[in-house]
Each structure stands twice: as structure tokens, then as C-alpha cells.
């Protein structure tokens, strides 16, 4: 889950003891992954038939399986490429199934139904963008709403649906859409491109507005792309200054005729 990549020490401290305990029972990581998927399906049926609170609690147990399968794999040394692949595929199925069941339950409320559909599409595209980026050797572990955050929000929204369901759906829909945009932009920033010369020239001055503009340009185009373009443009921008050095004035000299600031 994404929380482990953001807070690895804390997550490992909490899950490692449980993982070692489960490993002593002989259960395999793939078994826990399968159990988590089956619990998510059970939660989906429960939600779709109109019992969101029970479905939310079943989803909590299924989410724990999703956390502890990795802990068991690390404790037993059984982390394999297929295990990671199977875990990722089961996550995608779980996302689609539970949000599909939620959409079925809310099908008579047009506003909430649309929010669930947007959240579902955003969740699947978020994962797809990362997979495609990693397939071309690019990093894409960014975004305000990754899978762990989505799962926690959904659990809370279901269990406390009387008060929090609609706010949670808004967070899932809007946050998921923003995450897709963030990931696409992050990939775009890692791909080499030529920046407009006029834009780079505007950022090479040492003034407050140009420094702010430079920070924005580096974020928008990517630090590597911008720094490379700036390093190529800077010698040309400095030619004029090298040909026209500032006069060396003493204390007794008069003001600079050019009126240039000191």
C-alpha cells in the first residue's frame, strides 16, 4: 500500500511483528492476498444489498489482509515477482468491485452515483498511469490520493455513511481526478523536451519576479528539463553582459551616466 512507501519505518514497525506471527502459522502471502480479495467481494455484496456498515467492517478486515501479505512475504523471504504481480492485480479487481457495488447501491441517487463512477474511473486510471510509466522506466509514485488513502476513506465513508458518505465520495472523485493529473504531469516532466527559448530567457534574470517564475517553470517542465535548457541558454544570455562590463567607480566619481542601479 502507498502508506508504506511514504512512512516505511512506522508501517514496518506496526506490521512486521504480525507478519512474523502469521509466518509461523505457515500461511503464504498469496493466500492472504486471495483472502483479502474474497473479503472485498463479500463486502461488495453486503454493500450492494443495502448494508454499508457491515460491508465497511468486512472491508477493514480485507484491507488488513492486503497489508499483512507483504509483511509475511518479507518475514519468510518469499517475496517473488509473481507475488507482487498477483497483489497488484487483486488490488485493481478489489477497487473495481467495491466501487461497482457502491454504485449499484446508490443507483437511485444521481449525484452520488456519478461521484462513485468518477471515483471508480479515477482509481483505475491512477493505477494504469503508474503501470505504463514504470513500463518505460519512469517513476510515478506521486499523488494526493493513492490506494491506501482511497481504501481508508472508503471504509470510513461506509461505516459512518449517515454523516460522511457524500463528503467521502467527493474526496474520492475530486482527489482521484487530481491524482491522475499529477501523475500524467509527473511523467511528462521526466520526458526530455525542448523548452521555449523565450520562456527560459525570462527566468535568467536575478529579480524577484523572475526567481518566482523560474521556480514555477522548474515544477511545470521538470527540474531536469528546465536546468538543462537553462544551462544551454545562460552563456548566450551572458554575452551582452561580458561585452559591456559595469564601470569601476570610485567614491569620488560622479553618478553612472547610464543610470544603471548599483
C-alpha atoms as a PDB file:
ATOM      1  CA  UNK A   1       0.000   0.000   0.000  1.00  0.00           C
ATOM      2  CA  UNK A   2       1.087   3.572  -0.578  1.00  0.00           C
ATOM      3  CA  UNK A   3       1.414   4.365   3.115  1.00  0.00           C
ATOM      4  CA  UNK A   4       4.378   2.012   3.338  1.00  0.00           C
ATOM      5  CA  UNK A   5       6.272   3.951   0.656  1.00  0.00           C
ATOM      6  CA  UNK A   6       5.613   7.222   2.484  1.00  0.00           C
ATOM      7  CA  UNK A   7       6.193   6.071   6.073  1.00  0.00           C
ATOM      8  CA  UNK A   8       8.180   2.827   5.777  1.00  0.00           C
ATOM      9  CA  UNK A   9       9.635   2.828   9.297  1.00  0.00           C
ATOM     10  CA  UNK A  10       6.278   3.302  11.014  1.00  0.00           C
ATOM     11  CA  UNK A  11       4.415   0.831   8.820  1.00  0.00           C
ATOM     12  CA  UNK A  12       7.134  -1.802   9.176  1.00  0.00           C
ATOM     13  CA  UNK A  13       7.210  -1.337  12.951  1.00  0.00           C
ATOM     14  CA  UNK A  14       3.465  -1.974  13.106  1.00  0.00           C
ATOM     15  CA  UNK A  15       3.198  -4.814  10.580  1.00  0.00           C
ATOM     16  CA  UNK A  16       6.470  -6.726  10.969  1.00  0.00           C
ATOM     17  CA  UNK A  17       5.555  -8.414  14.308  1.00  0.00           C
ATOM     18  CA  UNK A  18       2.180  -9.506  12.912  1.00  0.00           C
ATOM     19  CA  UNK A  19       3.867 -10.704   9.734  1.00  0.00           C
ATOM     20  CA  UNK A  20       6.308 -12.833  11.713  1.00  0.00           C
ATOM     21  CA  UNK A  21       3.453 -14.261  13.767  1.00  0.00           C
ATOM     22  CA  UNK A  22       1.429 -15.163  10.686  1.00  0.00           C
ATOM     23  CA  UNK A  23       4.528 -16.620   9.032  1.00  0.00           C
ATOM     24  CA  UNK A  24       4.880 -19.091  11.918  1.00  0.00           C
ATOM     25  CA  UNK A  25       1.420 -20.459  11.105  1.00  0.00           C
ATOM     26  CA  UNK A  26       2.603 -21.440   7.642  1.00  0.00           C
ATOM     27  CA  UNK A  27       0.195 -19.211   5.754  1.00  0.00           C
ATOM     28  CA  UNK A  28       1.578 -17.962   2.435  1.00  0.00           C
ATOM     29  CA  UNK A  29       1.487 -14.338   1.199  1.00  0.00           C
ATOM     30  CA  UNK A  30      -0.589 -15.335  -1.831  1.00  0.00           C
ATOM     31  CA  UNK A  31      -3.138 -16.984   0.444  1.00  0.00           C
ATOM     32  CA  UNK A  32      -3.573 -13.725   2.340  1.00  0.00           C
ATOM     33  CA  UNK A  33      -3.889 -11.822  -0.942  1.00  0.00           C
ATOM     34  CA  UNK A  34      -6.612 -14.214  -2.094  1.00  0.00           C
ATOM     35  CA  UNK A  35      -8.388 -13.974   1.248  1.00  0.00           C
ATOM     36  CA  UNK A  36      -8.311 -10.176   1.053  1.00  0.00           C
ATOM     37  CA  UNK A  37      -9.835 -10.304  -2.429  1.00  0.00           C
ATOM     38  CA  UNK A  38     -12.600 -12.676  -1.307  1.00  0.00           C
ATOM     39  CA  UNK A  39     -13.387 -10.451   1.685  1.00  0.00           C
ATOM     40  CA  UNK A  40     -13.646  -7.463  -0.632  1.00  0.00           C
ATOM     41  CA  UNK A  41     -16.115  -9.381  -2.801  1.00  0.00           C
ATOM     42  CA  UNK A  42     -18.102 -10.240   0.328  1.00  0.00           C
ATOM     43  CA  UNK A  43     -18.062  -6.571   1.356  1.00  0.00           C
ATOM     44  CA  UNK A  44     -19.275  -5.625  -2.117  1.00  0.00           C
ATOM     45  CA  UNK A  45     -22.261  -7.967  -1.914  1.00  0.00           C
ATOM     46  CA  UNK A  46     -23.079  -6.663   1.561  1.00  0.00           C
ATOM     47  CA  UNK A  47     -22.953  -3.018   0.430  1.00  0.00           C
ATOM     48  CA  UNK A  48     -24.880  -3.661  -2.779  1.00  0.00           C
ATOM     49  CA  UNK A  49     -27.703  -5.296  -0.803  1.00  0.00           C
ATOM     50  CA  UNK A  50     -28.052  -2.231   1.421  1.00  0.00           C
ATOM     51  CA  UNK A  51     -25.890  -2.892   4.496  1.00  0.00           C
ATOM     52  CA  UNK A  52     -22.963  -0.443   4.165  1.00  0.00           C
ATOM     53  CA  UNK A  53     -21.878  -0.575   7.825  1.00  0.00           C
ATOM     54  CA  UNK A  54     -21.307  -4.334   7.790  1.00  0.00           C
ATOM     55  CA  UNK A  55     -19.710  -4.018   4.356  1.00  0.00           C
ATOM     56  CA  UNK A  56     -17.341  -1.371   5.687  1.00  0.00           C
ATOM     57  CA  UNK A  57     -16.176  -3.579   8.552  1.00  0.00           C
ATOM     58  CA  UNK A  58     -15.666  -6.556   6.218  1.00  0.00           C
ATOM     59  CA  UNK A  59     -13.634  -4.233   4.003  1.00  0.00           C
ATOM     60  CA  UNK A  60     -11.478  -3.306   7.015  1.00  0.00           C
ATOM     61  CA  UNK A  61     -10.603  -6.976   7.549  1.00  0.00           C
ATOM     62  CA  UNK A  62      -9.889  -7.389   3.837  1.00  0.00           C
ATOM     63  CA  UNK A  63      -7.634  -4.331   3.944  1.00  0.00           C
ATOM     64  CA  UNK A  64      -5.653  -5.885   6.796  1.00  0.00           C
ATOM     65  CA  UNK A  65      -5.045  -8.936   4.617  1.00  0.00           C
ATOM     66  CA  UNK A  66      -3.709  -6.599   1.925  1.00  0.00           C
ATOM     67  CA  UNK A  67      -1.277  -5.102   4.441  1.00  0.00           C
ATOM     68  CA  UNK A  68      -0.121  -8.341   6.044  1.00  0.00           C
ATOM     69  CA  UNK A  69       0.518 -10.300   2.831  1.00  0.00           C
ATOM     70  CA  UNK A  70       3.556  -8.125   2.211  1.00  0.00           C
ATOM     71  CA  UNK A  71       4.650  -8.408   5.839  1.00  0.00           C
ATOM     72  CA  UNK A  72       4.515 -12.201   5.641  1.00  0.00           C
ATOM     73  CA  UNK A  73       6.429 -12.176   2.351  1.00  0.00           C
ATOM     74  CA  UNK A  74       9.212 -10.136   3.938  1.00  0.00           C
ATOM     75  CA  UNK A  75       9.253 -12.230   7.116  1.00  0.00           C
ATOM     76  CA  UNK A  76       9.514 -15.522   5.206  1.00  0.00           C
ATOM     77  CA  UNK A  77      11.710 -14.270   2.385  1.00  0.00           C
ATOM     78  CA  UNK A  78       9.063 -15.411  -0.094  1.00  0.00           C
ATOM     79  CA  UNK A  79       8.652 -12.114  -1.920  1.00  0.00           C
ATOM     80  CA  UNK A  80       8.553 -13.056  -5.618  1.00  0.00           C
ATOM     81  CA  UNK A  81       7.847 -11.180  -8.865  1.00  0.00           C
ATOM     82  CA  UNK A  82       4.647 -13.189  -9.310  1.00  0.00           C
ATOM     83  CA  UNK A  83       3.555 -12.361  -5.766  1.00  0.00           C
ATOM     84  CA  UNK A  84       3.917  -8.647  -6.462  1.00  0.00           C
ATOM     85  CA  UNK A  85       2.096  -9.055  -9.777  1.00  0.00           C
ATOM     86  CA  UNK A  86      -0.740 -11.035  -8.189  1.00  0.00           C
ATOM     87  CA  UNK A  87      -1.076  -8.499  -5.365  1.00  0.00           C
ATOM     88  CA  UNK A  88      -1.289  -5.625  -7.862  1.00  0.00           C
ATOM     89  CA  UNK A  89      -3.909  -7.394  -9.995  1.00  0.00           C
ATOM     90  CA  UNK A  90      -6.005  -8.259  -6.940  1.00  0.00           C
ATOM     91  CA  UNK A  91      -5.843  -4.609  -5.847  1.00  0.00           C
ATOM     92  CA  UNK A  92      -7.228  -3.482  -9.203  1.00  0.00           C
ATOM     93  CA  UNK A  93     -10.032  -6.043  -9.011  1.00  0.00           C
ATOM     94  CA  UNK A  94     -10.825  -5.030  -5.435  1.00  0.00           C
ATOM     95  CA  UNK A  95     -11.033  -1.338  -6.359  1.00  0.00           C
ATOM     96  CA  UNK A  96     -13.369  -2.007  -9.248  1.00  0.00           C
ATOM     97  CA  UNK A  97     -15.578  -4.483  -7.395  1.00  0.00           C
ATOM     98  CA  UNK A  98     -16.191  -2.446  -4.229  1.00  0.00           C
ATOM     99  CA  UNK A  99     -16.817   0.815  -6.067  1.00  0.00           C
ATOM    100  CA  UNK A 100     -19.064  -1.027  -8.529  1.00  0.00           C
ATOM    101  CA  UNK A 101     -21.086  -2.438  -5.634  1.00  0.00           C
ATOM    102  CA  UNK A 102     -21.312   1.025  -4.090  1.00  0.00           C
ATOM    103  CA  UNK A 103     -22.544   2.433  -7.404  1.00  0.00           C
ATOM    104  CA  UNK A 104     -25.242  -0.257  -7.548  1.00  0.00           C
ATOM    105  CA  UNK A 105     -26.409   0.613  -4.032  1.00  0.00           C
ATOM    106  CA  UNK A 106     -26.562   4.331  -4.900  1.00  0.00           C
ATOM    107  CA  UNK A 107     -28.004   3.919  -8.393  1.00  0.00           C
ATOM    108  CA  UNK A 108     -31.223   5.790  -7.469  1.00  0.00           C
ATOM    109  CA  UNK A 109     -29.328   8.890  -6.303  1.00  0.00           C
ATOM    110  CA  UNK A 110     -27.998  10.515  -9.461  1.00  0.00           C
ATOM    111  CA  UNK A 111     -25.476  12.812  -7.760  1.00  0.00           C
ATOM    112  CA  UNK A 112     -23.901  10.128  -5.573  1.00  0.00           C
ATOM    113  CA  UNK A 113     -23.958   7.616  -8.418  1.00  0.00           C
ATOM    114  CA  UNK A 114     -21.983   9.986 -10.668  1.00  0.00           C
ATOM    115  CA  UNK A 115     -19.477  10.639  -7.876  1.00  0.00           C
ATOM    116  CA  UNK A 116     -18.881   6.895  -7.437  1.00  0.00           C
ATOM    117  CA  UNK A 117     -18.422   6.389 -11.179  1.00  0.00           C
ATOM    118  CA  UNK A 118     -15.903   9.245 -11.366  1.00  0.00           C
ATOM    119  CA  UNK A 119     -14.070   7.825  -8.343  1.00  0.00           C
ATOM    120  CA  UNK A 120     -14.009   4.369  -9.969  1.00  0.00           C
ATOM    121  CA  UNK A 121     -12.612   5.648 -13.265  1.00  0.00           C
ATOM    122  CA  UNK A 122     -10.042   7.815 -11.471  1.00  0.00           C
ATOM    123  CA  UNK A 123      -8.895   4.901  -9.281  1.00  0.00           C
ATOM    124  CA  UNK A 124      -8.350   2.610 -12.261  1.00  0.00           C
ATOM    125  CA  UNK A 125      -6.629   5.275 -14.371  1.00  0.00           C
ATOM    126  CA  UNK A 126      -4.378   6.244 -11.453  1.00  0.00           C
ATOM    127  CA  UNK A 127      -3.019   2.708 -11.297  1.00  0.00           C
ATOM    128  CA  UNK A 128      -2.837   2.400 -15.088  1.00  0.00           C
ATOM    129  CA  UNK A 129      -0.759   5.568 -15.444  1.00  0.00           C
ATOM    130  CA  UNK A 130       1.758   4.275 -12.907  1.00  0.00           C
ATOM    131  CA  UNK A 131       1.970   0.891 -14.625  1.00  0.00           C
ATOM    132  CA  UNK A 132       2.575   2.470 -18.031  1.00  0.00           C
ATOM    133  CA  UNK A 133       5.163   4.863 -16.596  1.00  0.00           C
ATOM    134  CA  UNK A 134       7.086   2.065 -14.898  1.00  0.00           C
ATOM    135  CA  UNK A 135       6.942   0.055 -18.134  1.00  0.00           C
ATOM    136  CA  UNK A 136       9.117   2.758 -19.752  1.00  0.00           C
ATOM    137  CA  UNK A 137      11.402   3.012 -16.695  1.00  0.00           C
ATOM    138  CA  UNK A 138       9.922   6.209 -15.257  1.00  0.00           C
ATOM    139  CA  UNK A 139       8.964   6.908 -11.653  1.00  0.00           C
ATOM    140  CA  UNK A 140       5.299   7.643 -10.921  1.00  0.00           C
ATOM    141  CA  UNK A 141       4.786   7.238  -7.164  1.00  0.00           C
ATOM    142  CA  UNK A 142       3.091  10.595  -6.686  1.00  0.00           C
ATOM    143  CA  UNK A 143      -0.405  11.858  -5.999  1.00  0.00           C
ATOM    144  CA  UNK A 144      -2.566  13.126  -3.188  1.00  0.00           C
ATOM    145  CA  UNK A 145      -4.851  10.082  -3.231  1.00  0.00           C
ATOM    146  CA  UNK A 146      -3.198   6.710  -3.729  1.00  0.00           C
ATOM    147  CA  UNK A 147      -4.725   3.326  -2.959  1.00  0.00           C
ATOM    148  CA  UNK A 148      -4.164   3.304   0.803  1.00  0.00           C
ATOM    149  CA  UNK A 149      -5.808   6.701   1.203  1.00  0.00           C
ATOM    150  CA  UNK A 150      -8.706   5.661  -1.032  1.00  0.00           C
ATOM    151  CA  UNK A 151      -9.259   2.466   0.951  1.00  0.00           C
ATOM    152  CA  UNK A 152      -9.241   4.231   4.312  1.00  0.00           C
ATOM    153  CA  UNK A 153     -11.646   6.917   3.103  1.00  0.00           C
ATOM    154  CA  UNK A 154     -13.998   4.302   1.674  1.00  0.00           C
ATOM    155  CA  UNK A 155     -14.021   2.284   4.898  1.00  0.00           C
ATOM    156  CA  UNK A 156     -14.811   5.373   6.960  1.00  0.00           C
ATOM    157  CA  UNK A 157     -17.444   6.511   4.462  1.00  0.00           C
ATOM    158  CA  UNK A 158     -19.249   3.175   4.582  1.00  0.00           C
ATOM    159  CA  UNK A 159     -19.135   2.697   8.346  1.00  0.00           C
ATOM    160  CA  UNK A 160     -20.232   6.310   9.009  1.00  0.00           C
ATOM    161  CA  UNK A 161     -22.353   6.598   5.883  1.00  0.00           C
ATOM    162  CA  UNK A 162     -25.143   8.531   7.582  1.00  0.00           C
ATOM    163  CA  UNK A 163     -22.823  11.503   8.059  1.00  0.00           C
ATOM    164  CA  UNK A 164     -19.745  11.077   5.876  1.00  0.00           C
ATOM    165  CA  UNK A 165     -20.672   9.139   2.739  1.00  0.00           C
ATOM    166  CA  UNK A 166     -21.195  12.113   0.430  1.00  0.00           C
ATOM    167  CA  UNK A 167     -18.115  14.072   1.637  1.00  0.00           C
ATOM    168  CA  UNK A 168     -16.015  10.924   1.199  1.00  0.00           C
ATOM    169  CA  UNK A 169     -17.337  10.405  -2.325  1.00  0.00           C
ATOM    170  CA  UNK A 170     -16.469  13.990  -3.208  1.00  0.00           C
ATOM    171  CA  UNK A 171     -12.957  13.423  -1.867  1.00  0.00           C
ATOM    172  CA  UNK A 172     -12.600  10.205  -3.853  1.00  0.00           C
ATOM    173  CA  UNK A 173     -13.882  11.750  -7.081  1.00  0.00           C
ATOM    174  CA  UNK A 174     -12.055  15.080  -6.934  1.00  0.00           C
ATOM    175  CA  UNK A 175      -8.915  13.736  -5.254  1.00  0.00           C
ATOM    176  CA  UNK A 176      -8.728  10.828  -7.676  1.00  0.00           C
ATOM    177  CA  UNK A 177      -9.020  13.142 -10.679  1.00  0.00           C
ATOM    178  CA  UNK A 178      -6.317  15.429  -9.293  1.00  0.00           C
ATOM    179  CA  UNK A 179      -4.077  12.405  -8.693  1.00  0.00           C
ATOM    180  CA  UNK A 180      -4.430  11.316 -12.322  1.00  0.00           C
ATOM    181  CA  UNK A 181      -3.447  14.812 -13.466  1.00  0.00           C
ATOM    182  CA  UNK A 182      -0.494  14.848 -11.051  1.00  0.00           C
ATOM    183  CA  UNK A 183       0.782  11.511 -12.329  1.00  0.00           C
ATOM    184  CA  UNK A 184       0.430  12.410 -16.009  1.00  0.00           C
ATOM    185  CA  UNK A 185       2.245  15.681 -15.366  1.00  0.00           C
ATOM    186  CA  UNK A 186       4.957  13.881 -13.380  1.00  0.00           C
ATOM    187  CA  UNK A 187       5.613  11.536 -16.296  1.00  0.00           C
ATOM    188  CA  UNK A 188       5.583  14.477 -18.728  1.00  0.00           C
ATOM    189  CA  UNK A 189       8.237  16.210 -16.622  1.00  0.00           C
ATOM    190  CA  UNK A 190      10.554  13.203 -16.867  1.00  0.00           C
ATOM    191  CA  UNK A 191      10.484  13.036 -20.658  1.00  0.00           C
ATOM    192  CA  UNK A 192      13.185  15.151 -22.364  1.00  0.00           C
ATOM    193  CA  UNK A 193      11.885  18.072 -24.442  1.00  0.00           C
ATOM    194  CA  UNK A 194      12.919  21.464 -25.757  1.00  0.00           C
ATOM    195  CA  UNK A 195      11.609  24.403 -23.758  1.00  0.00           C
ATOM    196  CA  UNK A 196      10.661  27.674 -25.498  1.00  0.00           C
ATOM    197  CA  UNK A 197      13.738  29.920 -25.637  1.00  0.00           C
ATOM    198  CA  UNK A 198      11.672  32.997 -24.736  1.00  0.00           C
ATOM    199  CA  UNK A 199      10.415  31.333 -21.571  1.00  0.00           C
ATOM    200  CA  UNK A 200      13.897  30.282 -20.464  1.00  0.00           C
ATOM    201  CA  UNK A 201      15.244  33.773 -21.138  1.00  0.00           C
ATOM    202  CA  UNK A 202      12.644  35.283 -18.811  1.00  0.00           C
ATOM    203  CA  UNK A 203      13.889  33.145 -15.923  1.00  0.00           C
ATOM    204  CA  UNK A 204      17.585  34.003 -16.217  1.00  0.00           C
ATOM    205  CA  UNK A 205      17.356  37.468 -14.663  1.00  0.00           C
ATOM    206  CA  UNK A 206      18.115  37.829 -10.969  1.00  0.00           C
ATOM    207  CA  UNK A 207      14.932  39.604  -9.960  1.00  0.00           C
ATOM    208  CA  UNK A 208      12.180  38.645  -7.572  1.00  0.00           C
ATOM    209  CA  UNK A 209       9.586  38.061 -10.308  1.00  0.00           C
ATOM    210  CA  UNK A 210      11.998  36.032 -12.443  1.00  0.00           C
ATOM    211  CA  UNK A 211      13.048  33.855  -9.499  1.00  0.00           C
ATOM    212  CA  UNK A 212       9.397  33.062  -8.754  1.00  0.00           C
ATOM    213  CA  UNK A 213       8.796  32.407 -12.449  1.00  0.00           C
ATOM    214  CA  UNK A 214      11.828  30.110 -12.524  1.00  0.00           C
ATOM    215  CA  UNK A 215      10.537  28.044  -9.595  1.00  0.00           C
ATOM    216  CA  UNK A 216       7.180  27.661 -11.315  1.00  0.00           C
ATOM    217  CA  UNK A 217       8.810  26.715 -14.632  1.00  0.00           C
ATOM    218  CA  UNK A 218      11.020  24.080 -12.965  1.00  0.00           C
ATOM    219  CA  UNK A 219       7.968  22.499 -11.340  1.00  0.00           C
ATOM    220  CA  UNK A 220       5.906  22.604 -14.523  1.00  0.00           C
ATOM    221  CA  UNK A 221       8.503  21.357 -17.019  1.00  0.00           C
ATOM    222  CA  UNK A 222      10.530  19.221 -14.620  1.00  0.00           C
ATOM    223  CA  UNK A 223      13.796  20.139 -12.945  1.00  0.00           C
ATOM    224  CA  UNK A 224      15.968  18.118 -15.324  1.00  0.00           C
ATOM    225  CA  UNK A 225      14.386  19.585 -18.460  1.00  0.00           C
ATOM    226  CA  UNK A 226      14.477  23.156 -17.210  1.00  0.00           C
ATOM    227  CA  UNK A 227      18.018  23.034 -15.778  1.00  0.00           C
ATOM    228  CA  UNK A 228      19.378  21.563 -18.996  1.00  0.00           C
ATOM    229  CA  UNK A 229      17.690  24.238 -21.105  1.00  0.00           C
ATOM    230  CA  UNK A 230      18.848  26.997 -18.743  1.00  0.00           C
ATOM    231  CA  UNK A 231      22.450  25.759 -18.775  1.00  0.00           C
ATOM    232  CA  UNK A 232      22.453  25.890 -22.577  1.00  0.00           C
ATOM    233  CA  UNK A 233      20.890  29.353 -22.701  1.00  0.00           C
ATOM    234  CA  UNK A 234      22.861  31.039 -19.894  1.00  0.00           C
ATOM    235  CA  UNK A 235      26.162  31.561 -21.792  1.00  0.00           C
ATOM    236  CA  UNK A 236      24.305  33.275 -24.625  1.00  0.00           C
ATOM    237  CA  UNK A 237      22.381  35.435 -22.204  1.00  0.00           C
ATOM    238  CA  UNK A 238      25.636  36.457 -20.519  1.00  0.00           C
ATOM    239  CA  UNK A 239      27.414  37.512 -23.718  1.00  0.00           C
ATOM    240  CA  UNK A 240      25.987  41.002 -23.659  1.00  0.00           C
ATOM    241  CA  UNK A 241      26.988  41.493 -20.032  1.00  0.00           C
ATOM    242  CA  UNK A 242      30.509  40.267 -20.775  1.00  0.00           C
ATOM    243  CA  UNK A 243      30.881  42.716 -23.654  1.00  0.00           C
ATOM    244  CA  UNK A 244      29.579  45.639 -21.596  1.00  0.00           C
ATOM    245  CA  UNK A 245      31.165  45.459 -18.156  1.00  0.00           C
ATOM    246  CA  UNK A 246      29.971  47.856 -15.480  1.00  0.00           C
ATOM    247  CA  UNK A 247      32.338  50.830 -14.998  1.00  0.00           C
ATOM    248  CA  UNK A 248      34.570  50.702 -11.927  1.00  0.00           C
ATOM    249  CA  UNK A 249      33.573  53.790  -9.913  1.00  0.00           C
ATOM    250  CA  UNK A 250      35.477  55.221  -7.004  1.00  0.00           C
ATOM    251  CA  UNK A 251      33.915  57.073  -4.068  1.00  0.00           C
ATOM    252  CA  UNK A 252      34.736  60.402  -5.645  1.00  0.00           C
ATOM    253  CA  UNK A 253      33.372  59.606  -9.056  1.00  0.00           C
ATOM    254  CA  UNK A 254      30.086  61.022 -10.198  1.00  0.00           C
ATOM    255  CA  UNK A 255      26.979  59.067 -10.876  1.00  0.00           C
ATOM    256  CA  UNK A 256      26.995  56.460 -13.570  1.00  0.00           C
ATOM    257  CA  UNK A 257      25.843  58.161 -16.800  1.00  0.00           C
ATOM    258  CA  UNK A 258      23.920  55.088 -17.802  1.00  0.00           C
ATOM    259  CA  UNK A 259      21.769  55.363 -14.680  1.00  0.00           C
ATOM    260  CA  UNK A 260      22.126  51.614 -14.044  1.00  0.00           C
ATOM    261  CA  UNK A 261      21.378  50.620 -10.431  1.00  0.00           C
ATOM    262  CA  UNK A 262      24.304  49.580  -8.299  1.00  0.00           C
END
